[in-house]
């Protein structure tokens, strides 16, 4: 499941999840420039894949047109796998996704991943604006997955074909933050990526469910699980903790139902949240799957998390306000790989 050129952290490939953050006072255009710069660096440093996530109506996330930005990143890099982490399939006509990713795979053969989620990636009003109906929801996700796999088949059933798309080998991943996609990925014999970076309490049960019920398929002989981790690494503990307040503020804004652009770090996070809000943010950004500190701290905690989850791969999100600090955080991680 990993490219031969990637480096590894104690035998485990590391990948990048980019939420294409729009920092306070900046623009989507600047976000995309930063993403290209990051992708080019992490490719050089030996990371395995670079994924972008679909979100809507979020002022601090620029990757709403996910397949477009995937093409942009793939065009600016040479070897690293680029994909969706993920496409929220209920928001779309399945044929459109087949055609989009068929196009991407045709442009960048052997480099495109299609991770699929069943959440809307937005609120209900935004979901309605995307779909013009809420009749098709998460409960139809397994049917949509079947449709998508059929479009990519060499001999699809039915009159409708995806051109391009038909007969292309595009790896499909299922993404989840609960047990539903874990069970479906196991049943379908697909690779599974769990959002432990924001649903840490469900990580171990979902991975156990996936592995215990896995059915080998033409795609995969044995389970392959990737887990998400937030990492904010810096050259001093103090700077890492300070940089981490941007992500803490981002989740605080979500708790308050007031999503915002990614805010700059602040000196005292305790001045801006209540004890209840602090508890809620810390529950989401659990210390096991949110790692903040120097290289030594990150190395130790990342290994502990891999030991606990028995992950086959780790995908790392770093919501850091300053681009130079975001690059440095991934560089520190790269230095741990051999």
C-alpha atoms as a PDB file:
ATOM      1  CA  UNK A   1       0.000   0.000   0.000  1.00  0.00           C
ATOM      2  CA  UNK A   2       3.002   2.326   0.080  1.00  0.00           C
ATOM      3  CA  UNK A   3       5.305   3.562  -2.641  1.00  0.00           C
ATOM      4  CA  UNK A   4       8.757   1.991  -2.815  1.00  0.00           C
ATOM      5  CA  UNK A   5      10.520   5.375  -2.616  1.00  0.00           C
ATOM      6  CA  UNK A   6       9.024   6.447   0.707  1.00  0.00           C
ATOM      7  CA  UNK A   7      11.010   6.443   3.923  1.00  0.00           C
ATOM      8  CA  UNK A   8       9.656   4.943   7.133  1.00  0.00           C
ATOM      9  CA  UNK A   9       9.471   5.637  10.847  1.00  0.00           C
ATOM     10  CA  UNK A  10      10.596   2.373  12.476  1.00  0.00           C
ATOM     11  CA  UNK A  11       9.121   0.450   9.561  1.00  0.00           C
ATOM     12  CA  UNK A  12       5.907   2.508   9.305  1.00  0.00           C
ATOM     13  CA  UNK A  13       5.217   4.870   6.376  1.00  0.00           C
ATOM     14  CA  UNK A  14       4.236   8.418   7.320  1.00  0.00           C
ATOM     15  CA  UNK A  15       1.819  10.453   5.211  1.00  0.00           C
ATOM     16  CA  UNK A  16       0.371  13.969   5.248  1.00  0.00           C
ATOM     17  CA  UNK A  17      -3.209  15.144   5.747  1.00  0.00           C
ATOM     18  CA  UNK A  18      -3.550  18.735   4.581  1.00  0.00           C
ATOM     19  CA  UNK A  19      -6.707  20.621   5.548  1.00  0.00           C
ATOM     20  CA  UNK A  20      -5.504  23.510   3.353  1.00  0.00           C
ATOM     21  CA  UNK A  21      -5.848  25.984   6.242  1.00  0.00           C
ATOM     22  CA  UNK A  22      -6.767  29.580   5.504  1.00  0.00           C
ATOM     23  CA  UNK A  23      -5.003  31.550   8.197  1.00  0.00           C
ATOM     24  CA  UNK A  24      -6.524  34.662   9.716  1.00  0.00           C
ATOM     25  CA  UNK A  25      -6.083  37.608   7.343  1.00  0.00           C
ATOM     26  CA  UNK A  26      -5.054  35.350   4.457  1.00  0.00           C
ATOM     27  CA  UNK A  27      -6.834  33.893   1.399  1.00  0.00           C
ATOM     28  CA  UNK A  28      -7.524  30.547  -0.258  1.00  0.00           C
ATOM     29  CA  UNK A  29      -4.985  31.498  -2.928  1.00  0.00           C
ATOM     30  CA  UNK A  30      -2.274  31.798  -0.289  1.00  0.00           C
ATOM     31  CA  UNK A  31      -3.412  28.509   1.270  1.00  0.00           C
ATOM     32  CA  UNK A  32      -2.971  26.688  -2.033  1.00  0.00           C
ATOM     33  CA  UNK A  33       0.515  28.161  -2.515  1.00  0.00           C
ATOM     34  CA  UNK A  34       1.412  26.918   0.953  1.00  0.00           C
ATOM     35  CA  UNK A  35       0.013  23.467   0.173  1.00  0.00           C
ATOM     36  CA  UNK A  36       2.120  23.197  -2.978  1.00  0.00           C
ATOM     37  CA  UNK A  37       5.218  24.222  -1.046  1.00  0.00           C
ATOM     38  CA  UNK A  38       4.473  21.697   1.699  1.00  0.00           C
ATOM     39  CA  UNK A  39       3.751  18.892  -0.781  1.00  0.00           C
ATOM     40  CA  UNK A  40       7.022  19.510  -2.624  1.00  0.00           C
ATOM     41  CA  UNK A  41       8.968  19.434   0.646  1.00  0.00           C
ATOM     42  CA  UNK A  42       7.365  16.305   2.089  1.00  0.00           C
ATOM     43  CA  UNK A  43       7.835  14.493  -1.219  1.00  0.00           C
ATOM     44  CA  UNK A  44      11.552  15.283  -1.039  1.00  0.00           C
ATOM     45  CA  UNK A  45      11.635  14.195   2.622  1.00  0.00           C
ATOM     46  CA  UNK A  46      10.161  10.749   1.877  1.00  0.00           C
ATOM     47  CA  UNK A  47       6.544  10.935   3.048  1.00  0.00           C
ATOM     48  CA  UNK A  48       4.303   8.328   1.409  1.00  0.00           C
ATOM     49  CA  UNK A  49       1.109  10.143   0.394  1.00  0.00           C
ATOM     50  CA  UNK A  50      -0.479  13.594   0.528  1.00  0.00           C
ATOM     51  CA  UNK A  51      -4.219  13.709   1.161  1.00  0.00           C
ATOM     52  CA  UNK A  52      -6.707  16.583   1.145  1.00  0.00           C
ATOM     53  CA  UNK A  53     -10.094  16.572   2.837  1.00  0.00           C
ATOM     54  CA  UNK A  54     -13.506  17.731   1.660  1.00  0.00           C
ATOM     55  CA  UNK A  55     -15.126  20.352   3.898  1.00  0.00           C
ATOM     56  CA  UNK A  56     -17.787  22.923   3.087  1.00  0.00           C
ATOM     57  CA  UNK A  57     -18.908  26.222   4.585  1.00  0.00           C
ATOM     58  CA  UNK A  58     -15.704  26.338   6.651  1.00  0.00           C
ATOM     59  CA  UNK A  59     -13.928  29.718   6.436  1.00  0.00           C
ATOM     60  CA  UNK A  60     -10.637  28.212   7.594  1.00  0.00           C
ATOM     61  CA  UNK A  61     -10.453  25.266   5.138  1.00  0.00           C
ATOM     62  CA  UNK A  62      -9.822  25.817   1.429  1.00  0.00           C
ATOM     63  CA  UNK A  63     -10.132  22.256   0.078  1.00  0.00           C
ATOM     64  CA  UNK A  64     -13.876  22.241  -0.688  1.00  0.00           C
ATOM     65  CA  UNK A  65     -13.310  21.451  -4.401  1.00  0.00           C
ATOM     66  CA  UNK A  66     -11.176  18.510  -3.370  1.00  0.00           C
ATOM     67  CA  UNK A  67     -10.542  16.851  -6.727  1.00  0.00           C
ATOM     68  CA  UNK A  68      -9.429  20.195  -8.208  1.00  0.00           C
ATOM     69  CA  UNK A  69      -6.813  20.812  -5.531  1.00  0.00           C
ATOM     70  CA  UNK A  70      -5.678  17.158  -5.740  1.00  0.00           C
ATOM     71  CA  UNK A  71      -4.926  17.747  -9.417  1.00  0.00           C
ATOM     72  CA  UNK A  72      -3.103  20.964  -8.554  1.00  0.00           C
ATOM     73  CA  UNK A  73      -0.890  19.215  -5.983  1.00  0.00           C
ATOM     74  CA  UNK A  74      -0.255  16.193  -8.201  1.00  0.00           C
ATOM     75  CA  UNK A  75       0.772  18.536 -11.025  1.00  0.00           C
ATOM     76  CA  UNK A  76       3.260  20.300  -8.761  1.00  0.00           C
ATOM     77  CA  UNK A  77       4.895  17.054  -7.533  1.00  0.00           C
ATOM     78  CA  UNK A  78       6.475  14.047  -9.236  1.00  0.00           C
ATOM     79  CA  UNK A  79       6.214  10.824  -7.252  1.00  0.00           C
ATOM     80  CA  UNK A  80       4.264  11.177  -4.034  1.00  0.00           C
ATOM     81  CA  UNK A  81       0.772   9.649  -3.997  1.00  0.00           C
ATOM     82  CA  UNK A  82      -1.938  12.318  -3.847  1.00  0.00           C
ATOM     83  CA  UNK A  83      -5.524  11.728  -2.875  1.00  0.00           C
ATOM     84  CA  UNK A  84      -8.688  12.454  -0.990  1.00  0.00           C
ATOM     85  CA  UNK A  85      -8.891  12.002   2.726  1.00  0.00           C
ATOM     86  CA  UNK A  86     -11.643  12.071   1.838  1.00  0.00           C
ATOM     87  CA  UNK A  87     -14.434  12.650  -0.605  1.00  0.00           C
ATOM     88  CA  UNK A  88     -17.778  12.742   1.235  1.00  0.00           C
ATOM     89  CA  UNK A  89     -19.614  10.474  -1.182  1.00  0.00           C
ATOM     90  CA  UNK A  90     -23.222  11.270  -0.133  1.00  0.00           C
ATOM     91  CA  UNK A  91     -22.640  14.849  -1.334  1.00  0.00           C
ATOM     92  CA  UNK A  92     -22.062  13.743  -4.914  1.00  0.00           C
ATOM     93  CA  UNK A  93     -23.389  11.826  -7.869  1.00  0.00           C
ATOM     94  CA  UNK A  94     -21.276   8.678  -7.903  1.00  0.00           C
ATOM     95  CA  UNK A  95     -20.675   8.946 -11.651  1.00  0.00           C
ATOM     96  CA  UNK A  96     -19.195  12.427 -11.226  1.00  0.00           C
ATOM     97  CA  UNK A  97     -16.666  11.156  -8.667  1.00  0.00           C
ATOM     98  CA  UNK A  98     -15.787   8.230 -10.944  1.00  0.00           C
ATOM     99  CA  UNK A  99     -15.170  10.632 -13.834  1.00  0.00           C
ATOM    100  CA  UNK A 100     -13.192  13.105 -11.719  1.00  0.00           C
ATOM    101  CA  UNK A 101     -10.891  10.470 -10.271  1.00  0.00           C
ATOM    102  CA  UNK A 102     -10.712   8.654 -13.589  1.00  0.00           C
ATOM    103  CA  UNK A 103      -9.461  11.946 -15.007  1.00  0.00           C
ATOM    104  CA  UNK A 104      -6.938  12.407 -12.193  1.00  0.00           C
ATOM    105  CA  UNK A 105      -5.634   8.850 -12.571  1.00  0.00           C
ATOM    106  CA  UNK A 106      -5.346   9.338 -16.333  1.00  0.00           C
ATOM    107  CA  UNK A 107      -3.348  12.534 -15.809  1.00  0.00           C
ATOM    108  CA  UNK A 108      -1.167  11.158 -12.985  1.00  0.00           C
ATOM    109  CA  UNK A 109      -1.133   7.363 -13.433  1.00  0.00           C
ATOM    110  CA  UNK A 110      -0.311   5.273 -10.400  1.00  0.00           C
ATOM    111  CA  UNK A 111      -0.389   8.227  -8.005  1.00  0.00           C
ATOM    112  CA  UNK A 112      -4.044   8.839  -7.097  1.00  0.00           C
ATOM    113  CA  UNK A 113      -5.884   7.593  -3.985  1.00  0.00           C
ATOM    114  CA  UNK A 114      -9.624   7.864  -3.416  1.00  0.00           C
ATOM    115  CA  UNK A 115     -10.556   7.927   0.249  1.00  0.00           C
ATOM    116  CA  UNK A 116     -14.303   7.952   0.891  1.00  0.00           C
ATOM    117  CA  UNK A 117     -16.308   9.181   3.848  1.00  0.00           C
ATOM    118  CA  UNK A 118     -20.039   9.090   4.521  1.00  0.00           C
ATOM    119  CA  UNK A 119     -20.371  12.253   6.651  1.00  0.00           C
ATOM    120  CA  UNK A 120     -21.479  15.468   4.926  1.00  0.00           C
ATOM    121  CA  UNK A 121     -18.347  17.409   5.883  1.00  0.00           C
ATOM    122  CA  UNK A 122     -20.691  20.279   6.687  1.00  0.00           C
ATOM    123  CA  UNK A 123     -23.908  21.230   8.448  1.00  0.00           C
ATOM    124  CA  UNK A 124     -27.352  20.126   7.221  1.00  0.00           C
ATOM    125  CA  UNK A 125     -28.135  23.390   5.447  1.00  0.00           C
ATOM    126  CA  UNK A 126     -24.870  23.154   3.522  1.00  0.00           C
ATOM    127  CA  UNK A 127     -25.496  19.484   2.761  1.00  0.00           C
ATOM    128  CA  UNK A 128     -28.866  20.464   1.294  1.00  0.00           C
ATOM    129  CA  UNK A 129     -27.227  23.194  -0.789  1.00  0.00           C
ATOM    130  CA  UNK A 130     -24.770  20.620  -2.154  1.00  0.00           C
ATOM    131  CA  UNK A 131     -27.343  17.941  -2.909  1.00  0.00           C
ATOM    132  CA  UNK A 132     -30.626  19.862  -3.365  1.00  0.00           C
ATOM    133  CA  UNK A 133     -32.158  17.018  -1.398  1.00  0.00           C
ATOM    134  CA  UNK A 134     -31.379  15.153   1.793  1.00  0.00           C
ATOM    135  CA  UNK A 135     -33.048  11.986   0.522  1.00  0.00           C
ATOM    136  CA  UNK A 136     -29.684  10.431  -0.233  1.00  0.00           C
ATOM    137  CA  UNK A 137     -27.815  10.153   3.025  1.00  0.00           C
ATOM    138  CA  UNK A 138     -25.175   8.171   4.850  1.00  0.00           C
ATOM    139  CA  UNK A 139     -27.382   5.069   4.974  1.00  0.00           C
ATOM    140  CA  UNK A 140     -27.007   4.723   1.188  1.00  0.00           C
ATOM    141  CA  UNK A 141     -23.216   4.858   1.381  1.00  0.00           C
ATOM    142  CA  UNK A 142     -22.712   1.097   0.814  1.00  0.00           C
ATOM    143  CA  UNK A 143     -24.850   1.279  -2.337  1.00  0.00           C
ATOM    144  CA  UNK A 144     -22.866   4.281  -3.605  1.00  0.00           C
ATOM    145  CA  UNK A 145     -19.626   2.413  -2.938  1.00  0.00           C
ATOM    146  CA  UNK A 146     -20.893  -0.497  -5.054  1.00  0.00           C
ATOM    147  CA  UNK A 147     -21.806   1.931  -7.844  1.00  0.00           C
ATOM    148  CA  UNK A 148     -18.367   3.541  -7.735  1.00  0.00           C
ATOM    149  CA  UNK A 149     -16.549   0.215  -7.817  1.00  0.00           C
ATOM    150  CA  UNK A 150     -18.718  -0.803 -10.760  1.00  0.00           C
ATOM    151  CA  UNK A 151     -17.786   2.348 -12.707  1.00  0.00           C
ATOM    152  CA  UNK A 152     -14.079   1.557 -12.224  1.00  0.00           C
ATOM    153  CA  UNK A 153     -14.582  -2.078 -13.235  1.00  0.00           C
ATOM    154  CA  UNK A 154     -13.186  -3.407 -16.511  1.00  0.00           C
ATOM    155  CA  UNK A 155     -16.637  -4.800 -17.315  1.00  0.00           C
ATOM    156  CA  UNK A 156     -19.175  -2.528 -15.580  1.00  0.00           C
ATOM    157  CA  UNK A 157     -22.787  -3.623 -15.234  1.00  0.00           C
ATOM    158  CA  UNK A 158     -25.407  -1.353 -16.812  1.00  0.00           C
ATOM    159  CA  UNK A 159     -25.568   1.109 -19.671  1.00  0.00           C
ATOM    160  CA  UNK A 160     -23.761   4.055 -18.021  1.00  0.00           C
ATOM    161  CA  UNK A 161     -19.950   4.154 -18.193  1.00  0.00           C
ATOM    162  CA  UNK A 162     -17.381   6.473 -16.613  1.00  0.00           C
ATOM    163  CA  UNK A 163     -15.036   7.849 -19.283  1.00  0.00           C
ATOM    164  CA  UNK A 164     -12.359   8.204 -18.069  1.00  0.00           C
ATOM    165  CA  UNK A 165     -12.661   5.800 -15.160  1.00  0.00           C
ATOM    166  CA  UNK A 166     -13.641   2.445 -16.640  1.00  0.00           C
ATOM    167  CA  UNK A 167     -10.963  -0.182 -16.054  1.00  0.00           C
ATOM    168  CA  UNK A 168      -8.658   2.061 -14.030  1.00  0.00           C
ATOM    169  CA  UNK A 169      -6.965   0.770 -10.905  1.00  0.00           C
ATOM    170  CA  UNK A 170      -7.687   3.574  -8.426  1.00  0.00           C
ATOM    171  CA  UNK A 171      -7.198   2.502  -4.800  1.00  0.00           C
ATOM    172  CA  UNK A 172     -10.375   3.068  -2.786  1.00  0.00           C
ATOM    173  CA  UNK A 173     -10.038   3.602   0.960  1.00  0.00           C
ATOM    174  CA  UNK A 174     -12.842   3.861   3.471  1.00  0.00           C
ATOM    175  CA  UNK A 175     -12.505   6.578   6.083  1.00  0.00           C
ATOM    176  CA  UNK A 176     -14.265   6.575   9.411  1.00  0.00           C
ATOM    177  CA  UNK A 177     -14.617   8.072  12.869  1.00  0.00           C
ATOM    178  CA  UNK A 178     -16.913   5.303  14.190  1.00  0.00           C
ATOM    179  CA  UNK A 179     -17.563   1.614  13.604  1.00  0.00           C
ATOM    180  CA  UNK A 180     -19.721   1.843  10.443  1.00  0.00           C
ATOM    181  CA  UNK A 181     -16.946   2.310   7.882  1.00  0.00           C
ATOM    182  CA  UNK A 182     -14.667  -0.039   9.835  1.00  0.00           C
ATOM    183  CA  UNK A 183     -17.225  -2.805   9.398  1.00  0.00           C
ATOM    184  CA  UNK A 184     -17.877  -1.963   5.736  1.00  0.00           C
ATOM    185  CA  UNK A 185     -14.138  -1.799   4.916  1.00  0.00           C
ATOM    186  CA  UNK A 186     -13.670  -5.203   6.550  1.00  0.00           C
ATOM    187  CA  UNK A 187     -16.575  -6.700   4.637  1.00  0.00           C
ATOM    188  CA  UNK A 188     -15.375  -5.277   1.303  1.00  0.00           C
ATOM    189  CA  UNK A 189     -11.705  -6.100   1.867  1.00  0.00           C
ATOM    190  CA  UNK A 190     -10.600  -2.469   1.514  1.00  0.00           C
ATOM    191  CA  UNK A 191      -7.916  -0.421   3.277  1.00  0.00           C
ATOM    192  CA  UNK A 192      -9.252   1.603   6.193  1.00  0.00           C
ATOM    193  CA  UNK A 193      -8.196   4.991   7.563  1.00  0.00           C
ATOM    194  CA  UNK A 194      -9.464   5.996  10.992  1.00  0.00           C
ATOM    195  CA  UNK A 195      -9.822   9.635  12.067  1.00  0.00           C
ATOM    196  CA  UNK A 196      -8.136   9.142  15.413  1.00  0.00           C
ATOM    197  CA  UNK A 197      -6.882  12.735  15.205  1.00  0.00           C
ATOM    198  CA  UNK A 198     -10.388  13.933  16.159  1.00  0.00           C
ATOM    199  CA  UNK A 199     -12.185  10.777  17.393  1.00  0.00           C
ATOM    200  CA  UNK A 200      -9.509   9.213  19.618  1.00  0.00           C
ATOM    201  CA  UNK A 201     -11.876   7.386  21.966  1.00  0.00           C
ATOM    202  CA  UNK A 202     -13.229   5.193  19.142  1.00  0.00           C
ATOM    203  CA  UNK A 203      -9.873   4.326  17.588  1.00  0.00           C
ATOM    204  CA  UNK A 204      -9.078   0.974  19.186  1.00  0.00           C
ATOM    205  CA  UNK A 205     -12.639  -0.453  18.984  1.00  0.00           C
ATOM    206  CA  UNK A 206     -12.914   0.511  15.292  1.00  0.00           C
ATOM    207  CA  UNK A 207      -9.521  -0.960  14.402  1.00  0.00           C
ATOM    208  CA  UNK A 208     -10.329  -4.168  16.284  1.00  0.00           C
ATOM    209  CA  UNK A 209     -13.653  -4.460  14.461  1.00  0.00           C
ATOM    210  CA  UNK A 210     -11.932  -3.927  11.112  1.00  0.00           C
ATOM    211  CA  UNK A 211      -9.187  -6.471  11.707  1.00  0.00           C
ATOM    212  CA  UNK A 212     -11.373  -9.139  13.343  1.00  0.00           C
ATOM    213  CA  UNK A 213     -13.914  -9.097  10.506  1.00  0.00           C
ATOM    214  CA  UNK A 214     -11.663  -8.523   7.508  1.00  0.00           C
ATOM    215  CA  UNK A 215     -12.526 -10.533   4.391  1.00  0.00           C
ATOM    216  CA  UNK A 216      -9.675 -10.846   1.857  1.00  0.00           C
ATOM    217  CA  UNK A 217     -10.461  -9.398  -1.567  1.00  0.00           C
ATOM    218  CA  UNK A 218      -8.881  -8.887  -4.978  1.00  0.00           C
ATOM    219  CA  UNK A 219      -7.788  -5.515  -3.608  1.00  0.00           C
ATOM    220  CA  UNK A 220      -6.232  -6.609  -0.347  1.00  0.00           C
ATOM    221  CA  UNK A 221      -5.156  -9.942   1.141  1.00  0.00           C
ATOM    222  CA  UNK A 222      -4.964  -8.750   4.743  1.00  0.00           C
ATOM    223  CA  UNK A 223      -6.120  -5.683   6.710  1.00  0.00           C
ATOM    224  CA  UNK A 224      -4.320  -2.408   6.162  1.00  0.00           C
ATOM    225  CA  UNK A 225      -5.106   0.339   8.661  1.00  0.00           C
ATOM    226  CA  UNK A 226      -3.919   3.922   8.622  1.00  0.00           C
ATOM    227  CA  UNK A 227      -4.512   6.189  11.623  1.00  0.00           C
ATOM    228  CA  UNK A 228      -4.619   9.965  11.840  1.00  0.00           C
ATOM    229  CA  UNK A 229      -2.440  11.877  14.301  1.00  0.00           C
ATOM    230  CA  UNK A 230      -2.077  15.599  15.006  1.00  0.00           C
ATOM    231  CA  UNK A 231       1.593  16.505  15.318  1.00  0.00           C
ATOM    232  CA  UNK A 232       3.007  19.906  16.182  1.00  0.00           C
ATOM    233  CA  UNK A 233       6.763  19.610  16.438  1.00  0.00           C
ATOM    234  CA  UNK A 234       9.170  22.452  17.091  1.00  0.00           C
ATOM    235  CA  UNK A 235      12.727  23.021  18.239  1.00  0.00           C
ATOM    236  CA  UNK A 236      11.605  23.894  21.767  1.00  0.00           C
ATOM    237  CA  UNK A 237       8.800  22.604  23.949  1.00  0.00           C
ATOM    238  CA  UNK A 238       7.616  26.148  24.585  1.00  0.00           C
ATOM    239  CA  UNK A 239       7.266  27.009  20.909  1.00  0.00           C
ATOM    240  CA  UNK A 240       5.458  23.746  20.151  1.00  0.00           C
ATOM    241  CA  UNK A 241       2.933  24.362  22.942  1.00  0.00           C
ATOM    242  CA  UNK A 242       2.468  27.949  21.769  1.00  0.00           C
ATOM    243  CA  UNK A 243       1.927  26.892  18.142  1.00  0.00           C
ATOM    244  CA  UNK A 244      -0.606  24.294  19.313  1.00  0.00           C
ATOM    245  CA  UNK A 245      -2.949  27.037  20.543  1.00  0.00           C
ATOM    246  CA  UNK A 246      -3.983  27.698  16.920  1.00  0.00           C
ATOM    247  CA  UNK A 247      -5.467  24.225  16.605  1.00  0.00           C
ATOM    248  CA  UNK A 248      -7.016  24.494  20.060  1.00  0.00           C
ATOM    249  CA  UNK A 249      -8.715  27.743  19.023  1.00  0.00           C
ATOM    250  CA  UNK A 250      -9.933  26.093  15.811  1.00  0.00           C
ATOM    251  CA  UNK A 251     -11.724  23.327  17.731  1.00  0.00           C
ATOM    252  CA  UNK A 252     -12.996  25.877  20.246  1.00  0.00           C
ATOM    253  CA  UNK A 253     -14.637  27.803  17.399  1.00  0.00           C
ATOM    254  CA  UNK A 254     -16.327  24.586  16.236  1.00  0.00           C
ATOM    255  CA  UNK A 255     -17.631  23.878  19.737  1.00  0.00           C
ATOM    256  CA  UNK A 256     -19.094  27.385  19.768  1.00  0.00           C
ATOM    257  CA  UNK A 257     -20.583  26.796  16.296  1.00  0.00           C
ATOM    258  CA  UNK A 258     -18.576  29.759  15.028  1.00  0.00           C
ATOM    259  CA  UNK A 259     -16.028  28.284  12.592  1.00  0.00           C
ATOM    260  CA  UNK A 260     -13.270  30.718  11.742  1.00  0.00           C
ATOM    261  CA  UNK A 261     -10.032  31.085   9.851  1.00  0.00           C
ATOM    262  CA  UNK A 262      -7.035  29.491  11.553  1.00  0.00           C
ATOM    263  CA  UNK A 263      -6.046  31.935  14.271  1.00  0.00           C
ATOM    264  CA  UNK A 264      -2.512  32.896  15.265  1.00  0.00           C
ATOM    265  CA  UNK A 265      -1.059  31.378  18.429  1.00  0.00           C
ATOM    266  CA  UNK A 266      -1.796  33.056  21.758  1.00  0.00           C
ATOM    267  CA  UNK A 267       0.223  33.182  24.957  1.00  0.00           C
ATOM    268  CA  UNK A 268      -2.519  31.984  27.311  1.00  0.00           C
ATOM    269  CA  UNK A 269      -5.220  29.724  25.906  1.00  0.00           C
ATOM    270  CA  UNK A 270      -6.862  29.538  29.349  1.00  0.00           C
ATOM    271  CA  UNK A 271      -8.031  33.125  28.989  1.00  0.00           C
ATOM    272  CA  UNK A 272     -10.306  32.306  26.058  1.00  0.00           C
ATOM    273  CA  UNK A 273     -12.125  29.114  27.077  1.00  0.00           C
ATOM    274  CA  UNK A 274     -14.318  27.964  29.934  1.00  0.00           C
ATOM    275  CA  UNK A 275     -13.555  24.818  31.913  1.00  0.00           C
ATOM    276  CA  UNK A 276     -16.274  22.974  29.966  1.00  0.00           C
ATOM    277  CA  UNK A 277     -14.849  24.144  26.627  1.00  0.00           C
ATOM    278  CA  UNK A 278     -11.344  23.180  27.739  1.00  0.00           C
ATOM    279  CA  UNK A 279     -12.554  19.706  28.608  1.00  0.00           C
ATOM    280  CA  UNK A 280     -14.368  19.349  25.276  1.00  0.00           C
ATOM    281  CA  UNK A 281     -11.351  20.434  23.231  1.00  0.00           C
ATOM    282  CA  UNK A 282      -8.988  18.203  25.202  1.00  0.00           C
ATOM    283  CA  UNK A 283     -11.309  15.229  24.734  1.00  0.00           C
ATOM    284  CA  UNK A 284     -11.149  15.746  20.962  1.00  0.00           C
ATOM    285  CA  UNK A 285      -7.430  16.543  20.921  1.00  0.00           C
ATOM    286  CA  UNK A 286      -6.539  13.597  23.132  1.00  0.00           C
ATOM    287  CA  UNK A 287      -2.898  13.457  24.209  1.00  0.00           C
ATOM    288  CA  UNK A 288      -2.467  10.037  22.594  1.00  0.00           C
ATOM    289  CA  UNK A 289      -3.381  11.183  19.094  1.00  0.00           C
ATOM    290  CA  UNK A 290      -2.361  14.840  19.392  1.00  0.00           C
ATOM    291  CA  UNK A 291       1.383  15.066  19.900  1.00  0.00           C
ATOM    292  CA  UNK A 292       3.022  18.380  20.731  1.00  0.00           C
ATOM    293  CA  UNK A 293       6.677  18.942  21.551  1.00  0.00           C
ATOM    294  CA  UNK A 294      10.292  18.601  20.484  1.00  0.00           C
ATOM    295  CA  UNK A 295      11.709  15.794  18.353  1.00  0.00           C
ATOM    296  CA  UNK A 296      12.343  13.586  21.388  1.00  0.00           C
ATOM    297  CA  UNK A 297       8.796  14.013  22.686  1.00  0.00           C
ATOM    298  CA  UNK A 298       7.229  13.437  19.279  1.00  0.00           C
ATOM    299  CA  UNK A 299       9.350  10.377  18.559  1.00  0.00           C
ATOM    300  CA  UNK A 300       8.446   8.741  21.870  1.00  0.00           C
ATOM    301  CA  UNK A 301       4.726   9.509  21.743  1.00  0.00           C
ATOM    302  CA  UNK A 302       4.372   8.601  18.080  1.00  0.00           C
ATOM    303  CA  UNK A 303       5.967   5.214  18.736  1.00  0.00           C
ATOM    304  CA  UNK A 304       3.672   4.682  21.731  1.00  0.00           C
ATOM    305  CA  UNK A 305       0.646   5.450  19.541  1.00  0.00           C
ATOM    306  CA  UNK A 306       1.816   3.043  16.826  1.00  0.00           C
ATOM    307  CA  UNK A 307       2.399   0.337  19.437  1.00  0.00           C
ATOM    308  CA  UNK A 308      -1.090   0.883  20.811  1.00  0.00           C
ATOM    309  CA  UNK A 309      -2.919   0.936  17.481  1.00  0.00           C
ATOM    310  CA  UNK A 310      -0.648  -1.481  15.553  1.00  0.00           C
ATOM    311  CA  UNK A 311      -1.101   0.907  12.622  1.00  0.00           C
ATOM    312  CA  UNK A 312       0.243  -0.036   9.209  1.00  0.00           C
ATOM    313  CA  UNK A 313       0.621   3.646   8.321  1.00  0.00           C
ATOM    314  CA  UNK A 314       0.206   7.016  10.041  1.00  0.00           C
ATOM    315  CA  UNK A 315      -1.223  10.117   8.374  1.00  0.00           C
ATOM    316  CA  UNK A 316      -0.250  13.367  10.057  1.00  0.00           C
ATOM    317  CA  UNK A 317      -2.209  16.594  10.306  1.00  0.00           C
ATOM    318  CA  UNK A 318      -0.372  19.720  11.460  1.00  0.00           C
ATOM    319  CA  UNK A 319      -2.628  22.736  11.879  1.00  0.00           C
ATOM    320  CA  UNK A 320       0.055  25.370  12.327  1.00  0.00           C
ATOM    321  CA  UNK A 321      -0.466  29.074  11.659  1.00  0.00           C
ATOM    322  CA  UNK A 322       2.975  30.001  10.327  1.00  0.00           C
ATOM    323  CA  UNK A 323       4.031  28.263   7.130  1.00  0.00           C
ATOM    324  CA  UNK A 324       7.690  28.118   8.156  1.00  0.00           C
ATOM    325  CA  UNK A 325       6.725  26.388  11.408  1.00  0.00           C
ATOM    326  CA  UNK A 326       4.474  23.932   9.552  1.00  0.00           C
ATOM    327  CA  UNK A 327       7.355  23.036   7.237  1.00  0.00           C
ATOM    328  CA  UNK A 328       9.695  22.698  10.199  1.00  0.00           C
ATOM    329  CA  UNK A 329       7.260  20.389  12.005  1.00  0.00           C
ATOM    330  CA  UNK A 330       7.213  17.964   9.063  1.00  0.00           C
ATOM    331  CA  UNK A 331      10.988  18.301   8.648  1.00  0.00           C
ATOM    332  CA  UNK A 332      11.463  17.195  12.265  1.00  0.00           C
ATOM    333  CA  UNK A 333       9.282  14.166  11.504  1.00  0.00           C
ATOM    334  CA  UNK A 334      11.253  13.480   8.325  1.00  0.00           C
ATOM    335  CA  UNK A 335      14.476  13.411  10.315  1.00  0.00           C
ATOM    336  CA  UNK A 336      13.036  10.465  12.287  1.00  0.00           C
ATOM    337  CA  UNK A 337      12.507   8.384   9.148  1.00  0.00           C
ATOM    338  CA  UNK A 338      15.109   6.133   7.614  1.00  0.00           C
END
